[in-house]
C-alpha cells in the first residue's frame, strides 16, 4: 500500500496544473471554449485574451456601419450592416440577462455560442469590406439579408441551405469509382458540387451566419408560417 501511494504521488506530481492543461488544450485543433471564457464572455486566462485581441475577436465599437446616419450603397455594405446589427443586438440581449440565467447551463451554452460567433464572423466582415467574398456566397448573403429583413426566415434558411450544402445531384456511390467510370459521371462538374464547406474559414462563418439567423428568429419574431421550426 505504501509503494502504491508513492507511485500515485509521483504520477500526480508529474501531471500538469489546471491552467497549464487548459493552455495546452487551447493550442490543439479542437477545444471546449467554455474552459476559456466566463459567463460574461470574458477570457479567463491572460494568454487567451492577448491572442484574441484584434486578431480573432470582432470589435464593433465606433463602427460607422452601425451609425443611424450611415446609408449602405453596395451589396457588401447592406449585408455587413445587417449582420453587424444582429451581432450587436445579441450582445445587448446577453448583457440584459439576469445573473442566474447567465450562470445556468443554457446561459453558458449561449455565451459560448456568442463568443465563438464573434470570432468566426471577423473574416466574413473582412471579405465584405475588401470586396473579396466569393460571388456565389455574396449573392446568397444578399438573399438571406433581404428575406431576414422581411422576417421570412423560412426562405432565408432555404437560401442558407443552398449555399452550405448545395442542391446539385450527387453522383451514385463513392467518389472513387474504380476502373470503370459510371455512365454520365463525366457531365458532373466541380462547380455543381457543394464545395463551400471545404474551406475552413467559410465553413466557420457560415455556421455563425446560421446561428445569427436562429437568434434573429428568436429576437425578432415573425408570423409562425415564416419561421423555421
C-alpha atoms as a PDB file:
ATOM      1  CA  UNK A   1       0.000   0.000   0.000  1.00  0.00           C
ATOM      2  CA  UNK A   2       2.825   2.411   0.816  1.00  0.00           C
ATOM      3  CA  UNK A   3       4.548   1.706  -2.519  1.00  0.00           C
ATOM      4  CA  UNK A   4       1.242   2.225  -4.333  1.00  0.00           C
ATOM      5  CA  UNK A   5       0.769   5.556  -2.550  1.00  0.00           C
ATOM      6  CA  UNK A   6       4.279   6.646  -3.517  1.00  0.00           C
ATOM      7  CA  UNK A   7       3.595   5.791  -7.170  1.00  0.00           C
ATOM      8  CA  UNK A   8       0.349   7.750  -7.036  1.00  0.00           C
ATOM      9  CA  UNK A   9       2.111  10.811  -5.601  1.00  0.00           C
ATOM     10  CA  UNK A  10       4.845  10.586  -8.244  1.00  0.00           C
ATOM     11  CA  UNK A  11       2.280  10.446 -11.063  1.00  0.00           C
ATOM     12  CA  UNK A  12       0.226  13.299  -9.551  1.00  0.00           C
ATOM     13  CA  UNK A  13       3.313  15.486  -9.253  1.00  0.00           C
ATOM     14  CA  UNK A  14       4.154  14.877 -12.918  1.00  0.00           C
ATOM     15  CA  UNK A  15       0.688  15.877 -14.136  1.00  0.00           C
ATOM     16  CA  UNK A  16       0.256  19.477 -15.443  1.00  0.00           C
ATOM     17  CA  UNK A  17      -1.664  22.019 -13.405  1.00  0.00           C
ATOM     18  CA  UNK A  18      -5.174  23.093 -14.405  1.00  0.00           C
ATOM     19  CA  UNK A  19      -4.010  26.334 -16.044  1.00  0.00           C
ATOM     20  CA  UNK A  20      -1.201  24.587 -17.909  1.00  0.00           C
ATOM     21  CA  UNK A  21      -3.588  21.871 -19.078  1.00  0.00           C
ATOM     22  CA  UNK A  22      -6.075  24.459 -20.365  1.00  0.00           C
ATOM     23  CA  UNK A  23      -3.365  26.327 -22.268  1.00  0.00           C
ATOM     24  CA  UNK A  24      -2.120  23.118 -23.880  1.00  0.00           C
ATOM     25  CA  UNK A  25      -5.679  22.184 -24.750  1.00  0.00           C
ATOM     26  CA  UNK A  26      -6.255  25.605 -26.284  1.00  0.00           C
ATOM     27  CA  UNK A  27      -3.309  25.159 -28.607  1.00  0.00           C
ATOM     28  CA  UNK A  28      -4.806  21.987 -30.118  1.00  0.00           C
ATOM     29  CA  UNK A  29      -7.098  21.869 -33.138  1.00  0.00           C
ATOM     30  CA  UNK A  30     -10.224  21.263 -31.059  1.00  0.00           C
ATOM     31  CA  UNK A  31     -11.028  22.525 -27.562  1.00  0.00           C
ATOM     32  CA  UNK A  32     -14.012  23.321 -25.375  1.00  0.00           C
ATOM     33  CA  UNK A  33     -14.388  27.100 -25.348  1.00  0.00           C
ATOM     34  CA  UNK A  34     -16.362  27.027 -22.095  1.00  0.00           C
ATOM     35  CA  UNK A  35     -12.993  26.468 -20.388  1.00  0.00           C
ATOM     36  CA  UNK A  36     -11.584  29.704 -21.819  1.00  0.00           C
ATOM     37  CA  UNK A  37     -14.411  32.200 -21.121  1.00  0.00           C
ATOM     38  CA  UNK A  38     -16.615  33.067 -18.179  1.00  0.00           C
ATOM     39  CA  UNK A  39     -20.391  33.645 -18.197  1.00  0.00           C
ATOM     40  CA  UNK A  40     -19.908  37.206 -19.473  1.00  0.00           C
ATOM     41  CA  UNK A  41     -17.787  36.072 -22.403  1.00  0.00           C
ATOM     42  CA  UNK A  42     -14.526  37.401 -20.948  1.00  0.00           C
ATOM     43  CA  UNK A  43     -11.298  35.450 -21.291  1.00  0.00           C
ATOM     44  CA  UNK A  44     -10.343  33.507 -18.164  1.00  0.00           C
ATOM     45  CA  UNK A  45      -6.637  33.464 -18.997  1.00  0.00           C
ATOM     46  CA  UNK A  46      -4.367  36.327 -19.934  1.00  0.00           C
ATOM     47  CA  UNK A  47      -2.799  34.338 -22.763  1.00  0.00           C
ATOM     48  CA  UNK A  48      -6.164  33.719 -24.374  1.00  0.00           C
ATOM     49  CA  UNK A  49      -7.129  37.370 -24.112  1.00  0.00           C
ATOM     50  CA  UNK A  50      -3.877  38.598 -25.702  1.00  0.00           C
ATOM     51  CA  UNK A  51      -4.127  36.062 -28.509  1.00  0.00           C
ATOM     52  CA  UNK A  52      -7.686  37.046 -29.353  1.00  0.00           C
ATOM     53  CA  UNK A  53      -7.194  40.801 -29.223  1.00  0.00           C
ATOM     54  CA  UNK A  54      -7.530  42.344 -32.675  1.00  0.00           C
ATOM     55  CA  UNK A  55      -6.550  39.156 -34.468  1.00  0.00           C
ATOM     56  CA  UNK A  56      -9.559  36.945 -33.804  1.00  0.00           C
ATOM     57  CA  UNK A  57     -12.207  38.866 -31.888  1.00  0.00           C
ATOM     58  CA  UNK A  58     -14.657  41.229 -33.561  1.00  0.00           C
ATOM     59  CA  UNK A  59     -14.692  44.857 -32.424  1.00  0.00           C
ATOM     60  CA  UNK A  60     -17.815  46.843 -33.324  1.00  0.00           C
ATOM     61  CA  UNK A  61     -17.102  49.856 -31.135  1.00  0.00           C
ATOM     62  CA  UNK A  62     -17.346  53.025 -33.232  1.00  0.00           C
ATOM     63  CA  UNK A  63     -18.202  51.100 -36.409  1.00  0.00           C
ATOM     64  CA  UNK A  64     -19.586  53.592 -38.933  1.00  0.00           C
ATOM     65  CA  UNK A  65     -21.869  50.981 -40.484  1.00  0.00           C
ATOM     66  CA  UNK A  66     -23.840  50.819 -37.231  1.00  0.00           C
ATOM     67  CA  UNK A  67     -24.461  54.551 -37.113  1.00  0.00           C
ATOM     68  CA  UNK A  68     -28.003  55.709 -37.850  1.00  0.00           C
ATOM     69  CA  UNK A  69     -26.787  58.202 -40.470  1.00  0.00           C
ATOM     70  CA  UNK A  70     -24.940  55.526 -42.459  1.00  0.00           C
ATOM     71  CA  UNK A  71     -26.572  54.582 -45.779  1.00  0.00           C
ATOM     72  CA  UNK A  72     -25.297  51.372 -47.423  1.00  0.00           C
ATOM     73  CA  UNK A  73     -24.753  51.769 -51.151  1.00  0.00           C
ATOM     74  CA  UNK A  74     -23.289  48.398 -52.164  1.00  0.00           C
ATOM     75  CA  UNK A  75     -24.445  44.793 -51.636  1.00  0.00           C
ATOM     76  CA  UNK A  76     -21.434  44.217 -49.386  1.00  0.00           C
ATOM     77  CA  UNK A  77     -22.376  47.150 -47.155  1.00  0.00           C
ATOM     78  CA  UNK A  78     -26.020  46.037 -46.972  1.00  0.00           C
ATOM     79  CA  UNK A  79     -25.046  42.545 -45.857  1.00  0.00           C
ATOM     80  CA  UNK A  80     -22.339  43.775 -43.494  1.00  0.00           C
ATOM     81  CA  UNK A  81     -24.600  46.308 -41.781  1.00  0.00           C
ATOM     82  CA  UNK A  82     -27.406  43.777 -41.290  1.00  0.00           C
ATOM     83  CA  UNK A  83     -25.249  41.086 -39.701  1.00  0.00           C
ATOM     84  CA  UNK A  84     -23.346  43.582 -37.565  1.00  0.00           C
ATOM     85  CA  UNK A  85     -26.696  44.784 -36.233  1.00  0.00           C
ATOM     86  CA  UNK A  86     -27.581  41.204 -35.334  1.00  0.00           C
ATOM     87  CA  UNK A  87     -24.268  40.699 -33.524  1.00  0.00           C
ATOM     88  CA  UNK A  88     -24.768  43.966 -31.624  1.00  0.00           C
ATOM     89  CA  UNK A  89     -28.361  43.055 -30.733  1.00  0.00           C
ATOM     90  CA  UNK A  90     -27.221  39.649 -29.462  1.00  0.00           C
ATOM     91  CA  UNK A  91     -24.562  41.371 -27.354  1.00  0.00           C
ATOM     92  CA  UNK A  92     -27.220  43.672 -25.864  1.00  0.00           C
ATOM     93  CA  UNK A  93     -29.542  40.775 -25.058  1.00  0.00           C
ATOM     94  CA  UNK A  94     -26.665  38.920 -23.415  1.00  0.00           C
ATOM     95  CA  UNK A  95     -25.876  41.904 -21.185  1.00  0.00           C
ATOM     96  CA  UNK A  96     -29.530  42.211 -20.133  1.00  0.00           C
ATOM     97  CA  UNK A  97     -29.750  38.645 -18.819  1.00  0.00           C
ATOM     98  CA  UNK A  98     -30.178  38.098 -15.080  1.00  0.00           C
ATOM     99  CA  UNK A  99     -27.110  36.730 -13.337  1.00  0.00           C
ATOM    100  CA  UNK A 100     -28.846  33.442 -12.524  1.00  0.00           C
ATOM    101  CA  UNK A 101     -29.760  32.910 -16.172  1.00  0.00           C
ATOM    102  CA  UNK A 102     -26.241  33.745 -17.354  1.00  0.00           C
ATOM    103  CA  UNK A 103     -24.732  31.185 -14.959  1.00  0.00           C
ATOM    104  CA  UNK A 104     -27.193  28.425 -15.838  1.00  0.00           C
ATOM    105  CA  UNK A 105     -26.294  25.603 -18.213  1.00  0.00           C
ATOM    106  CA  UNK A 106     -28.296  27.142 -21.077  1.00  0.00           C
ATOM    107  CA  UNK A 107     -26.804  30.552 -20.306  1.00  0.00           C
ATOM    108  CA  UNK A 108     -23.243  29.253 -20.501  1.00  0.00           C
ATOM    109  CA  UNK A 109     -24.022  27.477 -23.785  1.00  0.00           C
ATOM    110  CA  UNK A 110     -25.398  30.708 -25.248  1.00  0.00           C
ATOM    111  CA  UNK A 111     -22.317  32.612 -24.067  1.00  0.00           C
ATOM    112  CA  UNK A 112     -20.048  30.085 -25.764  1.00  0.00           C
ATOM    113  CA  UNK A 113     -22.051  30.283 -28.992  1.00  0.00           C
ATOM    114  CA  UNK A 114     -21.974  34.095 -28.929  1.00  0.00           C
ATOM    115  CA  UNK A 115     -18.215  34.359 -28.294  1.00  0.00           C
ATOM    116  CA  UNK A 116     -17.451  31.808 -30.991  1.00  0.00           C
ATOM    117  CA  UNK A 117     -19.778  33.588 -33.423  1.00  0.00           C
ATOM    118  CA  UNK A 118     -17.998  36.920 -32.888  1.00  0.00           C
ATOM    119  CA  UNK A 119     -14.614  35.379 -33.589  1.00  0.00           C
ATOM    120  CA  UNK A 120     -15.705  33.447 -36.663  1.00  0.00           C
ATOM    121  CA  UNK A 121     -17.548  36.388 -38.225  1.00  0.00           C
ATOM    122  CA  UNK A 122     -14.474  38.609 -38.437  1.00  0.00           C
ATOM    123  CA  UNK A 123     -13.209  37.026 -41.724  1.00  0.00           C
ATOM    124  CA  UNK A 124     -16.774  37.361 -43.033  1.00  0.00           C
ATOM    125  CA  UNK A 125     -16.831  41.129 -42.474  1.00  0.00           C
ATOM    126  CA  UNK A 126     -13.268  41.468 -43.732  1.00  0.00           C
ATOM    127  CA  UNK A 127     -14.165  39.822 -47.044  1.00  0.00           C
ATOM    128  CA  UNK A 128     -17.162  42.134 -47.361  1.00  0.00           C
ATOM    129  CA  UNK A 129     -15.062  45.213 -46.629  1.00  0.00           C
ATOM    130  CA  UNK A 130     -12.337  44.284 -49.112  1.00  0.00           C
ATOM    131  CA  UNK A 131     -14.926  43.002 -51.611  1.00  0.00           C
ATOM    132  CA  UNK A 132     -13.154  39.647 -51.917  1.00  0.00           C
ATOM    133  CA  UNK A 133     -16.069  37.397 -50.990  1.00  0.00           C
ATOM    134  CA  UNK A 134     -16.890  34.649 -53.476  1.00  0.00           C
ATOM    135  CA  UNK A 135     -19.662  35.839 -55.807  1.00  0.00           C
ATOM    136  CA  UNK A 136     -21.921  32.852 -55.123  1.00  0.00           C
ATOM    137  CA  UNK A 137     -21.593  33.339 -51.367  1.00  0.00           C
ATOM    138  CA  UNK A 138     -22.216  37.084 -51.621  1.00  0.00           C
ATOM    139  CA  UNK A 139     -25.312  36.526 -53.755  1.00  0.00           C
ATOM    140  CA  UNK A 140     -26.676  34.130 -51.168  1.00  0.00           C
ATOM    141  CA  UNK A 141     -25.895  36.518 -48.305  1.00  0.00           C
ATOM    142  CA  UNK A 142     -27.805  39.281 -50.095  1.00  0.00           C
ATOM    143  CA  UNK A 143     -30.770  36.936 -50.495  1.00  0.00           C
ATOM    144  CA  UNK A 144     -30.600  35.910 -46.833  1.00  0.00           C
ATOM    145  CA  UNK A 145     -30.438  39.567 -45.776  1.00  0.00           C
ATOM    146  CA  UNK A 146     -33.459  40.516 -47.863  1.00  0.00           C
ATOM    147  CA  UNK A 147     -35.585  37.625 -46.558  1.00  0.00           C
ATOM    148  CA  UNK A 148     -34.485  38.217 -42.959  1.00  0.00           C
ATOM    149  CA  UNK A 149     -35.318  41.914 -43.129  1.00  0.00           C
ATOM    150  CA  UNK A 150     -38.795  40.880 -44.292  1.00  0.00           C
ATOM    151  CA  UNK A 151     -38.765  38.347 -41.418  1.00  0.00           C
ATOM    152  CA  UNK A 152     -39.319  35.479 -43.789  1.00  0.00           C
ATOM    153  CA  UNK A 153     -36.951  33.100 -42.021  1.00  0.00           C
ATOM    154  CA  UNK A 154     -38.071  30.033 -43.970  1.00  0.00           C
ATOM    155  CA  UNK A 155     -36.812  31.497 -47.252  1.00  0.00           C
ATOM    156  CA  UNK A 156     -33.668  32.807 -45.537  1.00  0.00           C
ATOM    157  CA  UNK A 157     -32.980  29.321 -44.174  1.00  0.00           C
ATOM    158  CA  UNK A 158     -33.575  27.757 -47.602  1.00  0.00           C
ATOM    159  CA  UNK A 159     -31.045  30.167 -49.125  1.00  0.00           C
ATOM    160  CA  UNK A 160     -28.515  29.247 -46.446  1.00  0.00           C
ATOM    161  CA  UNK A 161     -29.007  25.520 -47.102  1.00  0.00           C
ATOM    162  CA  UNK A 162     -28.438  26.015 -50.839  1.00  0.00           C
ATOM    163  CA  UNK A 163     -25.180  27.824 -50.100  1.00  0.00           C
ATOM    164  CA  UNK A 164     -23.879  25.487 -47.394  1.00  0.00           C
ATOM    165  CA  UNK A 165     -24.996  22.159 -48.808  1.00  0.00           C
ATOM    166  CA  UNK A 166     -25.924  22.818 -52.425  1.00  0.00           C
ATOM    167  CA  UNK A 167     -28.752  21.392 -54.487  1.00  0.00           C
ATOM    168  CA  UNK A 168     -26.795  19.679 -57.256  1.00  0.00           C
ATOM    169  CA  UNK A 169     -27.381  15.922 -57.632  1.00  0.00           C
ATOM    170  CA  UNK A 170     -24.600  13.872 -56.090  1.00  0.00           C
ATOM    171  CA  UNK A 171     -23.085  11.013 -58.093  1.00  0.00           C
ATOM    172  CA  UNK A 172     -24.095   7.495 -57.138  1.00  0.00           C
ATOM    173  CA  UNK A 173     -21.674   5.571 -54.992  1.00  0.00           C
ATOM    174  CA  UNK A 174     -18.425   6.892 -53.611  1.00  0.00           C
ATOM    175  CA  UNK A 175     -16.208   9.369 -55.416  1.00  0.00           C
ATOM    176  CA  UNK A 176     -13.615   6.684 -56.226  1.00  0.00           C
ATOM    177  CA  UNK A 177     -15.476   4.587 -58.803  1.00  0.00           C
ATOM    178  CA  UNK A 178     -12.710   2.122 -59.576  1.00  0.00           C
ATOM    179  CA  UNK A 179     -11.523   1.146 -63.039  1.00  0.00           C
ATOM    180  CA  UNK A 180     -14.788   1.699 -64.874  1.00  0.00           C
ATOM    181  CA  UNK A 181     -16.403   5.114 -64.600  1.00  0.00           C
ATOM    182  CA  UNK A 182     -20.156   5.306 -64.156  1.00  0.00           C
ATOM    183  CA  UNK A 183     -22.261   6.436 -67.070  1.00  0.00           C
ATOM    184  CA  UNK A 184     -22.890  10.184 -67.104  1.00  0.00           C
ATOM    185  CA  UNK A 185     -20.226  10.909 -64.470  1.00  0.00           C
ATOM    186  CA  UNK A 186     -18.211  12.981 -66.941  1.00  0.00           C
ATOM    187  CA  UNK A 187     -21.072  15.508 -67.048  1.00  0.00           C
ATOM    188  CA  UNK A 188     -20.678  16.355 -63.386  1.00  0.00           C
ATOM    189  CA  UNK A 189     -18.535  19.453 -62.964  1.00  0.00           C
ATOM    190  CA  UNK A 190     -16.875  20.826 -59.853  1.00  0.00           C
ATOM    191  CA  UNK A 191     -18.992  23.971 -59.981  1.00  0.00           C
ATOM    192  CA  UNK A 192     -22.129  21.887 -59.481  1.00  0.00           C
ATOM    193  CA  UNK A 193     -20.918  20.255 -56.281  1.00  0.00           C
ATOM    194  CA  UNK A 194     -21.330  21.556 -52.750  1.00  0.00           C
ATOM    195  CA  UNK A 195     -17.746  22.671 -52.130  1.00  0.00           C
ATOM    196  CA  UNK A 196     -18.293  25.742 -49.927  1.00  0.00           C
ATOM    197  CA  UNK A 197     -17.787  23.784 -46.703  1.00  0.00           C
ATOM    198  CA  UNK A 198     -14.389  22.541 -47.868  1.00  0.00           C
ATOM    199  CA  UNK A 199     -12.913  25.931 -46.949  1.00  0.00           C
ATOM    200  CA  UNK A 200     -12.390  26.050 -43.168  1.00  0.00           C
ATOM    201  CA  UNK A 201     -12.829  29.828 -42.874  1.00  0.00           C
ATOM    202  CA  UNK A 202     -16.032  29.826 -44.924  1.00  0.00           C
ATOM    203  CA  UNK A 203     -17.346  26.836 -43.016  1.00  0.00           C
ATOM    204  CA  UNK A 204     -16.896  28.627 -39.688  1.00  0.00           C
ATOM    205  CA  UNK A 205     -18.507  31.918 -40.684  1.00  0.00           C
ATOM    206  CA  UNK A 206     -21.360  30.173 -42.496  1.00  0.00           C
ATOM    207  CA  UNK A 207     -22.112  28.273 -39.295  1.00  0.00           C
ATOM    208  CA  UNK A 208     -22.071  31.609 -37.478  1.00  0.00           C
ATOM    209  CA  UNK A 209     -24.469  33.041 -40.065  1.00  0.00           C
ATOM    210  CA  UNK A 210     -26.812  30.170 -39.236  1.00  0.00           C
ATOM    211  CA  UNK A 211     -26.518  30.964 -35.522  1.00  0.00           C
ATOM    212  CA  UNK A 212     -27.353  34.613 -36.200  1.00  0.00           C
ATOM    213  CA  UNK A 213     -30.392  33.575 -38.246  1.00  0.00           C
ATOM    214  CA  UNK A 214     -31.565  31.420 -35.351  1.00  0.00           C
ATOM    215  CA  UNK A 215     -31.061  34.319 -32.950  1.00  0.00           C
ATOM    216  CA  UNK A 216     -32.870  36.742 -35.297  1.00  0.00           C
ATOM    217  CA  UNK A 217     -35.873  34.430 -35.431  1.00  0.00           C
ATOM    218  CA  UNK A 218     -35.950  34.359 -31.634  1.00  0.00           C
ATOM    219  CA  UNK A 219     -35.251  38.069 -31.057  1.00  0.00           C
ATOM    220  CA  UNK A 220     -37.301  39.426 -33.980  1.00  0.00           C
ATOM    221  CA  UNK A 221     -40.311  37.103 -34.142  1.00  0.00           C
ATOM    222  CA  UNK A 222     -42.485  36.875 -37.208  1.00  0.00           C
ATOM    223  CA  UNK A 223     -45.524  35.006 -38.492  1.00  0.00           C
ATOM    224  CA  UNK A 224     -45.193  31.342 -37.436  1.00  0.00           C
ATOM    225  CA  UNK A 225     -45.625  30.306 -41.081  1.00  0.00           C
ATOM    226  CA  UNK A 226     -42.429  32.196 -41.936  1.00  0.00           C
ATOM    227  CA  UNK A 227     -40.347  30.706 -39.103  1.00  0.00           C
ATOM    228  CA  UNK A 228     -38.216  27.576 -39.124  1.00  0.00           C
ATOM    229  CA  UNK A 229     -39.493  25.068 -36.613  1.00  0.00           C
END
